[in-house]
Amino acid sequence: MIRRLPLIPTLVVLAAVAVMVRLGFWQLDRMHEKELELGRLAQNVSAGVVDFPADRFDQSQLFRPARLDCRNPAKPTLSGAGKVGYRVIARCEGGALVQLGTSRDPRAVVEWAGGSVTGSIGQAPDSRPLIVTAFDHSPRELMLVTDSPVPGLSANPKRSLEEVPNNHFSYAVQWFLFAGIALVIYGIALRKRLAARDQRG
């Protein structure tokens, strides 16, 4: 039976299955890492107020209460935020981002001269395509999500740890299923091929 197996296709399928199984176990490892990360972030929620971090990519600061003196901000821009409409975000002198509030008007024009703001540390919107973020795990830029909106804007949605999804278990299950399905499909195709060969023989 083994001698009758097509060598190259069999090796290709087995290699693909091995990669998918490895990705499944990698997702399980990531699930445990994310659980530890969520535990640390939960502590940040009740931690003391800090200055907005100089390292705008330090993810360990997420959800921590913070303050920022935003000087000479650029003109605020809008970023889609689902059912709440649009986030209104300004970049301060020095690079820090501040989410000033939300608006349902896609043409909203917000004038803000800057100043001292307080809130909690969140992540800036990610404009990268979904397929890119699946392979590029570079940390997202942080921003300060204000507690109180500037005049003319609605309040920012209440922050929640649900913003940081832990869906690695479902990803792991998907990879294991892909591996199983690949073996089943190849097994069916191989059986048909061998049966056809026997009939010709």
C-alpha atoms as a PDB file:
ATOM      1  CA  MET A   1       0.000   0.000   0.000  1.00  0.00           C
ATOM      2  CA  ILE A   2       2.751   2.429   0.964  1.00  0.00           C
ATOM      3  CA  ARG A   3       4.600   1.788  -2.295  1.00  0.00           C
ATOM      4  CA  ARG A   4       1.475   2.737  -4.206  1.00  0.00           C
ATOM      5  CA  LEU A   5       1.242   6.182  -2.626  1.00  0.00           C
ATOM      6  CA  PRO A   6       2.240   9.098  -4.894  1.00  0.00           C
ATOM      7  CA  LEU A   7       5.371  10.402  -3.203  1.00  0.00           C
ATOM      8  CA  ILE A   8       5.357  14.132  -3.992  1.00  0.00           C
ATOM      9  CA  PRO A   9       1.626  14.845  -3.370  1.00  0.00           C
ATOM     10  CA  THR A  10       1.724  12.827  -0.147  1.00  0.00           C
ATOM     11  CA  LEU A  11       4.761  14.717   1.146  1.00  0.00           C
ATOM     12  CA  VAL A  12       3.176  18.058   0.245  1.00  0.00           C
ATOM     13  CA  VAL A  13      -0.059  17.214   2.066  1.00  0.00           C
ATOM     14  CA  LEU A  14       1.754  15.886   5.139  1.00  0.00           C
ATOM     15  CA  ALA A  15       3.961  18.982   5.254  1.00  0.00           C
ATOM     16  CA  ALA A  16       0.905  21.254   5.018  1.00  0.00           C
ATOM     17  CA  VAL A  17      -0.868  19.296   7.766  1.00  0.00           C
ATOM     18  CA  ALA A  18       2.222  19.510   9.986  1.00  0.00           C
ATOM     19  CA  VAL A  19       2.323  23.296   9.525  1.00  0.00           C
ATOM     20  CA  MET A  20      -1.382  23.635  10.366  1.00  0.00           C
ATOM     21  CA  VAL A  21      -1.025  21.494  13.498  1.00  0.00           C
ATOM     22  CA  ARG A  22       1.979  23.560  14.570  1.00  0.00           C
ATOM     23  CA  LEU A  23      -0.028  26.760  14.078  1.00  0.00           C
ATOM     24  CA  GLY A  24      -2.804  25.283  16.197  1.00  0.00           C
ATOM     25  CA  PHE A  25      -0.454  24.630  19.118  1.00  0.00           C
ATOM     26  CA  TRP A  26       1.072  28.081  18.651  1.00  0.00           C
ATOM     27  CA  GLN A  27      -2.382  29.607  19.049  1.00  0.00           C
ATOM     28  CA  LEU A  28      -2.859  27.641  22.274  1.00  0.00           C
ATOM     29  CA  ASP A  29       0.423  29.067  23.576  1.00  0.00           C
ATOM     30  CA  ARG A  30      -0.762  32.559  22.600  1.00  0.00           C
ATOM     31  CA  MET A  31      -4.035  31.943  24.453  1.00  0.00           C
ATOM     32  CA  HIS A  32      -2.166  31.342  27.710  1.00  0.00           C
ATOM     33  CA  GLU A  33       0.038  34.395  27.112  1.00  0.00           C
ATOM     34  CA  LYS A  34      -3.055  36.522  26.475  1.00  0.00           C
ATOM     35  CA  GLU A  35      -4.670  35.308  29.713  1.00  0.00           C
ATOM     36  CA  LEU A  36      -1.608  36.498  31.653  1.00  0.00           C
ATOM     37  CA  GLU A  37      -1.664  39.790  29.753  1.00  0.00           C
ATOM     38  CA  LEU A  38      -5.345  40.349  30.575  1.00  0.00           C
ATOM     39  CA  GLY A  39      -4.574  39.761  34.251  1.00  0.00           C
ATOM     40  CA  ARG A  40      -1.929  42.494  34.150  1.00  0.00           C
ATOM     41  CA  LEU A  41      -4.249  44.863  32.303  1.00  0.00           C
ATOM     42  CA  ALA A  42      -6.988  44.302  34.887  1.00  0.00           C
ATOM     43  CA  GLN A  43      -4.572  45.622  37.518  1.00  0.00           C
ATOM     44  CA  ASN A  44      -3.945  48.711  35.374  1.00  0.00           C
ATOM     45  CA  VAL A  45      -7.608  49.719  35.559  1.00  0.00           C
ATOM     46  CA  SER A  46      -7.395  50.443  39.290  1.00  0.00           C
ATOM     47  CA  ALA A  47      -3.792  51.692  39.293  1.00  0.00           C
ATOM     48  CA  GLY A  48      -2.809  55.286  40.055  1.00  0.00           C
ATOM     49  CA  VAL A  49      -2.744  58.047  37.480  1.00  0.00           C
ATOM     50  CA  VAL A  50       0.509  58.360  35.525  1.00  0.00           C
ATOM     51  CA  ASP A  51       1.865  60.707  32.902  1.00  0.00           C
ATOM     52  CA  PHE A  52       1.153  59.498  29.380  1.00  0.00           C
ATOM     53  CA  PRO A  53       4.133  57.244  28.544  1.00  0.00           C
ATOM     54  CA  ALA A  54       6.978  58.564  26.432  1.00  0.00           C
ATOM     55  CA  ASP A  55       7.076  55.153  24.725  1.00  0.00           C
ATOM     56  CA  ARG A  56       3.866  55.349  22.689  1.00  0.00           C
ATOM     57  CA  PHE A  57       4.003  51.613  21.913  1.00  0.00           C
ATOM     58  CA  ASP A  58       4.352  50.247  25.476  1.00  0.00           C
ATOM     59  CA  GLN A  59       1.337  47.923  25.596  1.00  0.00           C
ATOM     60  CA  SER A  60       1.870  47.211  29.302  1.00  0.00           C
ATOM     61  CA  GLN A  61       0.338  50.647  30.002  1.00  0.00           C
ATOM     62  CA  LEU A  62      -3.044  49.877  28.416  1.00  0.00           C
ATOM     63  CA  PHE A  63      -6.112  50.855  30.496  1.00  0.00           C
ATOM     64  CA  ARG A  64      -3.993  52.775  32.996  1.00  0.00           C
ATOM     65  CA  PRO A  65      -5.419  56.159  34.089  1.00  0.00           C
ATOM     66  CA  ALA A  66      -3.183  58.898  32.701  1.00  0.00           C
ATOM     67  CA  ARG A  67      -2.826  62.619  32.173  1.00  0.00           C
ATOM     68  CA  LEU A  68      -1.306  64.560  29.307  1.00  0.00           C
ATOM     69  CA  ASP A  69      -0.502  68.176  28.582  1.00  0.00           C
ATOM     70  CA  CYS A  70      -1.322  68.340  24.883  1.00  0.00           C
ATOM     71  CA  ARG A  71       0.380  71.339  23.316  1.00  0.00           C
ATOM     72  CA  ASN A  72      -0.030  72.710  19.788  1.00  0.00           C
ATOM     73  CA  PRO A  73      -2.231  69.842  18.568  1.00  0.00           C
ATOM     74  CA  ALA A  74      -2.749  69.242  14.872  1.00  0.00           C
ATOM     75  CA  LYS A  75      -6.246  69.574  13.460  1.00  0.00           C
ATOM     76  CA  PRO A  76      -8.338  66.669  14.816  1.00  0.00           C
ATOM     77  CA  THR A  77      -9.200  63.882  12.395  1.00  0.00           C
ATOM     78  CA  LEU A  78     -12.058  61.372  12.321  1.00  0.00           C
ATOM     79  CA  SER A  79     -11.759  57.608  12.454  1.00  0.00           C
ATOM     80  CA  GLY A  80     -14.648  55.156  12.112  1.00  0.00           C
ATOM     81  CA  ALA A  81     -15.755  53.598  15.415  1.00  0.00           C
ATOM     82  CA  GLY A  82     -18.729  51.412  14.491  1.00  0.00           C
ATOM     83  CA  LYS A  83     -22.066  52.095  16.174  1.00  0.00           C
ATOM     84  CA  VAL A  84     -20.818  55.169  18.076  1.00  0.00           C
ATOM     85  CA  GLY A  85     -19.981  56.934  14.833  1.00  0.00           C
ATOM     86  CA  TYR A  86     -16.520  58.451  14.554  1.00  0.00           C
ATOM     87  CA  ARG A  87     -13.661  58.939  16.971  1.00  0.00           C
ATOM     88  CA  VAL A  88     -12.225  62.443  16.967  1.00  0.00           C
ATOM     89  CA  ILE A  89      -8.465  62.218  17.440  1.00  0.00           C
ATOM     90  CA  ALA A  90      -5.796  64.887  17.712  1.00  0.00           C
ATOM     91  CA  ARG A  91      -2.029  64.484  17.619  1.00  0.00           C
ATOM     92  CA  CYS A  92      -0.158  66.659  20.076  1.00  0.00           C
ATOM     93  CA  GLU A  93       3.213  68.275  19.690  1.00  0.00           C
ATOM     94  CA  GLY A  94       5.671  65.487  20.374  1.00  0.00           C
ATOM     95  CA  GLY A  95       3.468  62.833  18.782  1.00  0.00           C
ATOM     96  CA  ALA A  96       1.026  61.735  21.500  1.00  0.00           C
ATOM     97  CA  LEU A  97      -2.534  61.009  20.371  1.00  0.00           C
ATOM     98  CA  VAL A  98      -5.703  62.072  22.209  1.00  0.00           C
ATOM     99  CA  GLN A  99      -9.214  60.808  21.518  1.00  0.00           C
ATOM    100  CA  LEU A 100     -11.302  63.881  22.289  1.00  0.00           C
ATOM    101  CA  GLY A 101     -14.738  62.282  21.981  1.00  0.00           C
ATOM    102  CA  THR A 102     -17.022  60.867  19.308  1.00  0.00           C
ATOM    103  CA  SER A 103     -19.374  62.244  16.668  1.00  0.00           C
ATOM    104  CA  ARG A 104     -21.994  60.778  14.359  1.00  0.00           C
ATOM    105  CA  ASP A 105     -21.338  63.490  11.785  1.00  0.00           C
ATOM    106  CA  PRO A 106     -18.786  62.248   9.187  1.00  0.00           C
ATOM    107  CA  ARG A 107     -18.087  65.880   8.302  1.00  0.00           C
ATOM    108  CA  ALA A 108     -17.655  67.120  11.845  1.00  0.00           C
ATOM    109  CA  VAL A 109     -15.104  69.892  12.226  1.00  0.00           C
ATOM    110  CA  VAL A 110     -13.629  70.200  15.717  1.00  0.00           C
ATOM    111  CA  GLU A 111     -11.552  73.131  16.877  1.00  0.00           C
ATOM    112  CA  TRP A 112      -9.357  72.349  19.863  1.00  0.00           C
ATOM    113  CA  ALA A 113      -6.423  74.393  21.092  1.00  0.00           C
ATOM    114  CA  GLY A 114      -5.044  71.688  23.353  1.00  0.00           C
ATOM    115  CA  GLY A 115      -4.455  71.700  27.090  1.00  0.00           C
ATOM    116  CA  SER A 116      -4.326  69.345  30.045  1.00  0.00           C
ATOM    117  CA  VAL A 117      -6.453  66.193  29.620  1.00  0.00           C
ATOM    118  CA  THR A 118      -7.028  63.077  31.675  1.00  0.00           C
ATOM    119  CA  GLY A 119      -8.398  59.686  30.734  1.00  0.00           C
ATOM    120  CA  SER A 120      -7.196  56.142  30.227  1.00  0.00           C
ATOM    121  CA  ILE A 121      -4.637  54.703  27.863  1.00  0.00           C
ATOM    122  CA  GLY A 122      -6.021  52.903  24.819  1.00  0.00           C
ATOM    123  CA  GLN A 123      -4.859  51.868  21.381  1.00  0.00           C
ATOM    124  CA  ALA A 124      -5.010  54.079  18.320  1.00  0.00           C
ATOM    125  CA  PRO A 125      -7.089  52.865  15.351  1.00  0.00           C
ATOM    126  CA  ASP A 126      -5.243  50.367  13.167  1.00  0.00           C
ATOM    127  CA  SER A 127      -5.491  51.170   9.469  1.00  0.00           C
ATOM    128  CA  ARG A 128      -3.664  48.017   8.361  1.00  0.00           C
ATOM    129  CA  PRO A 129      -5.704  45.451   6.395  1.00  0.00           C
ATOM    130  CA  LEU A 130      -6.885  42.434   8.398  1.00  0.00           C
ATOM    131  CA  ILE A 131      -4.687  40.042   6.404  1.00  0.00           C
ATOM    132  CA  VAL A 132      -1.639  42.137   7.331  1.00  0.00           C
ATOM    133  CA  THR A 133      -2.413  42.181  11.057  1.00  0.00           C
ATOM    134  CA  ALA A 134      -2.731  38.380  10.983  1.00  0.00           C
ATOM    135  CA  PHE A 135       1.004  38.153  10.262  1.00  0.00           C
ATOM    136  CA  ASP A 136       2.336  41.504  11.458  1.00  0.00           C
ATOM    137  CA  HIS A 137       2.120  41.596  15.245  1.00  0.00           C
ATOM    138  CA  SER A 138       3.783  44.981  15.662  1.00  0.00           C
ATOM    139  CA  PRO A 139       2.330  46.795  18.704  1.00  0.00           C
ATOM    140  CA  ARG A 140      -0.284  49.432  18.008  1.00  0.00           C
ATOM    141  CA  GLU A 141       0.328  53.038  18.961  1.00  0.00           C
ATOM    142  CA  LEU A 142      -1.161  54.167  22.267  1.00  0.00           C
ATOM    143  CA  MET A 143      -3.458  57.140  22.748  1.00  0.00           C
ATOM    144  CA  LEU A 144      -5.153  58.858  25.653  1.00  0.00           C
ATOM    145  CA  VAL A 145      -8.933  58.370  25.635  1.00  0.00           C
ATOM    146  CA  THR A 146     -10.330  61.354  27.513  1.00  0.00           C
ATOM    147  CA  ASP A 147     -12.765  61.037  30.406  1.00  0.00           C
ATOM    148  CA  SER A 148     -14.698  64.135  29.312  1.00  0.00           C
ATOM    149  CA  PRO A 149     -15.350  65.083  25.674  1.00  0.00           C
ATOM    150  CA  VAL A 150     -14.521  68.511  24.333  1.00  0.00           C
ATOM    151  CA  PRO A 151     -17.540  70.756  23.648  1.00  0.00           C
ATOM    152  CA  GLY A 152     -19.634  69.598  20.715  1.00  0.00           C
ATOM    153  CA  LEU A 153     -18.652  65.938  20.965  1.00  0.00           C
ATOM    154  CA  SER A 154     -20.221  62.916  22.638  1.00  0.00           C
ATOM    155  CA  ALA A 155     -18.447  61.053  25.400  1.00  0.00           C
ATOM    156  CA  ASN A 156     -16.038  58.284  24.535  1.00  0.00           C
ATOM    157  CA  PRO A 157     -17.444  54.770  25.096  1.00  0.00           C
ATOM    158  CA  LYS A 158     -16.633  53.302  28.488  1.00  0.00           C
ATOM    159  CA  ARG A 159     -13.399  51.331  28.366  1.00  0.00           C
ATOM    160  CA  SER A 160     -13.546  47.569  28.849  1.00  0.00           C
ATOM    161  CA  LEU A 161     -11.044  44.719  28.828  1.00  0.00           C
ATOM    162  CA  GLU A 162     -13.234  43.194  26.127  1.00  0.00           C
ATOM    163  CA  GLU A 163     -11.381  45.552  23.789  1.00  0.00           C
ATOM    164  CA  VAL A 164      -8.497  43.078  24.026  1.00  0.00           C
ATOM    165  CA  PRO A 165      -9.930  39.864  22.544  1.00  0.00           C
ATOM    166  CA  ASN A 166      -8.634  36.441  23.508  1.00  0.00           C
ATOM    167  CA  ASN A 167      -9.845  34.402  20.551  1.00  0.00           C
ATOM    168  CA  HIS A 168      -6.752  32.235  20.185  1.00  0.00           C
ATOM    169  CA  PHE A 169      -8.588  29.068  21.257  1.00  0.00           C
ATOM    170  CA  SER A 170     -11.028  29.383  18.343  1.00  0.00           C
ATOM    171  CA  TYR A 171      -8.096  30.012  16.000  1.00  0.00           C
ATOM    172  CA  ALA A 172      -6.398  26.866  17.317  1.00  0.00           C
ATOM    173  CA  VAL A 173      -9.548  24.811  16.731  1.00  0.00           C
ATOM    174  CA  GLN A 174      -9.754  26.165  13.185  1.00  0.00           C
ATOM    175  CA  TRP A 175      -6.171  25.139  12.395  1.00  0.00           C
ATOM    176  CA  PHE A 176      -6.736  21.638  13.792  1.00  0.00           C
ATOM    177  CA  LEU A 177      -9.936  21.350  11.750  1.00  0.00           C
ATOM    178  CA  PHE A 178      -8.126  22.497   8.610  1.00  0.00           C
ATOM    179  CA  ALA A 179      -5.500  19.808   9.195  1.00  0.00           C
ATOM    180  CA  GLY A 180      -8.158  17.128   9.673  1.00  0.00           C
ATOM    181  CA  ILE A 181     -10.139  18.242   6.631  1.00  0.00           C
ATOM    182  CA  ALA A 182      -6.991  18.241   4.493  1.00  0.00           C
ATOM    183  CA  LEU A 183      -6.247  14.646   5.504  1.00  0.00           C
ATOM    184  CA  VAL A 184      -9.826  13.541   4.842  1.00  0.00           C
ATOM    185  CA  ILE A 185      -9.934  15.188   1.409  1.00  0.00           C
ATOM    186  CA  TYR A 186      -6.558  13.758   0.452  1.00  0.00           C
ATOM    187  CA  GLY A 187      -7.605  10.343   1.720  1.00  0.00           C
ATOM    188  CA  ILE A 188     -10.771  10.402  -0.445  1.00  0.00           C
ATOM    189  CA  ALA A 189      -8.833  11.560  -3.502  1.00  0.00           C
ATOM    190  CA  LEU A 190      -6.174   8.931  -2.919  1.00  0.00           C
ATOM    191  CA  ARG A 191      -8.746   6.188  -2.525  1.00  0.00           C
ATOM    192  CA  LYS A 192     -10.402   7.144  -5.811  1.00  0.00           C
ATOM    193  CA  ARG A 193      -7.032   7.258  -7.540  1.00  0.00           C
ATOM    194  CA  LEU A 194      -5.986   3.825  -6.305  1.00  0.00           C
ATOM    195  CA  ALA A 195      -9.391   2.369  -7.160  1.00  0.00           C
ATOM    196  CA  ALA A 196      -9.129   3.729 -10.695  1.00  0.00           C
ATOM    197  CA  ARG A 197      -5.622   2.295 -11.000  1.00  0.00           C
ATOM    198  CA  ASP A 198      -6.844  -1.140  -9.825  1.00  0.00           C
ATOM    199  CA  GLN A 199      -9.637  -1.080 -12.423  1.00  0.00           C
ATOM    200  CA  ARG A 200      -7.150  -0.312 -15.178  1.00  0.00           C
ATOM    201  CA  GLY A 201      -4.866  -3.039 -13.875  1.00  0.00           C
END
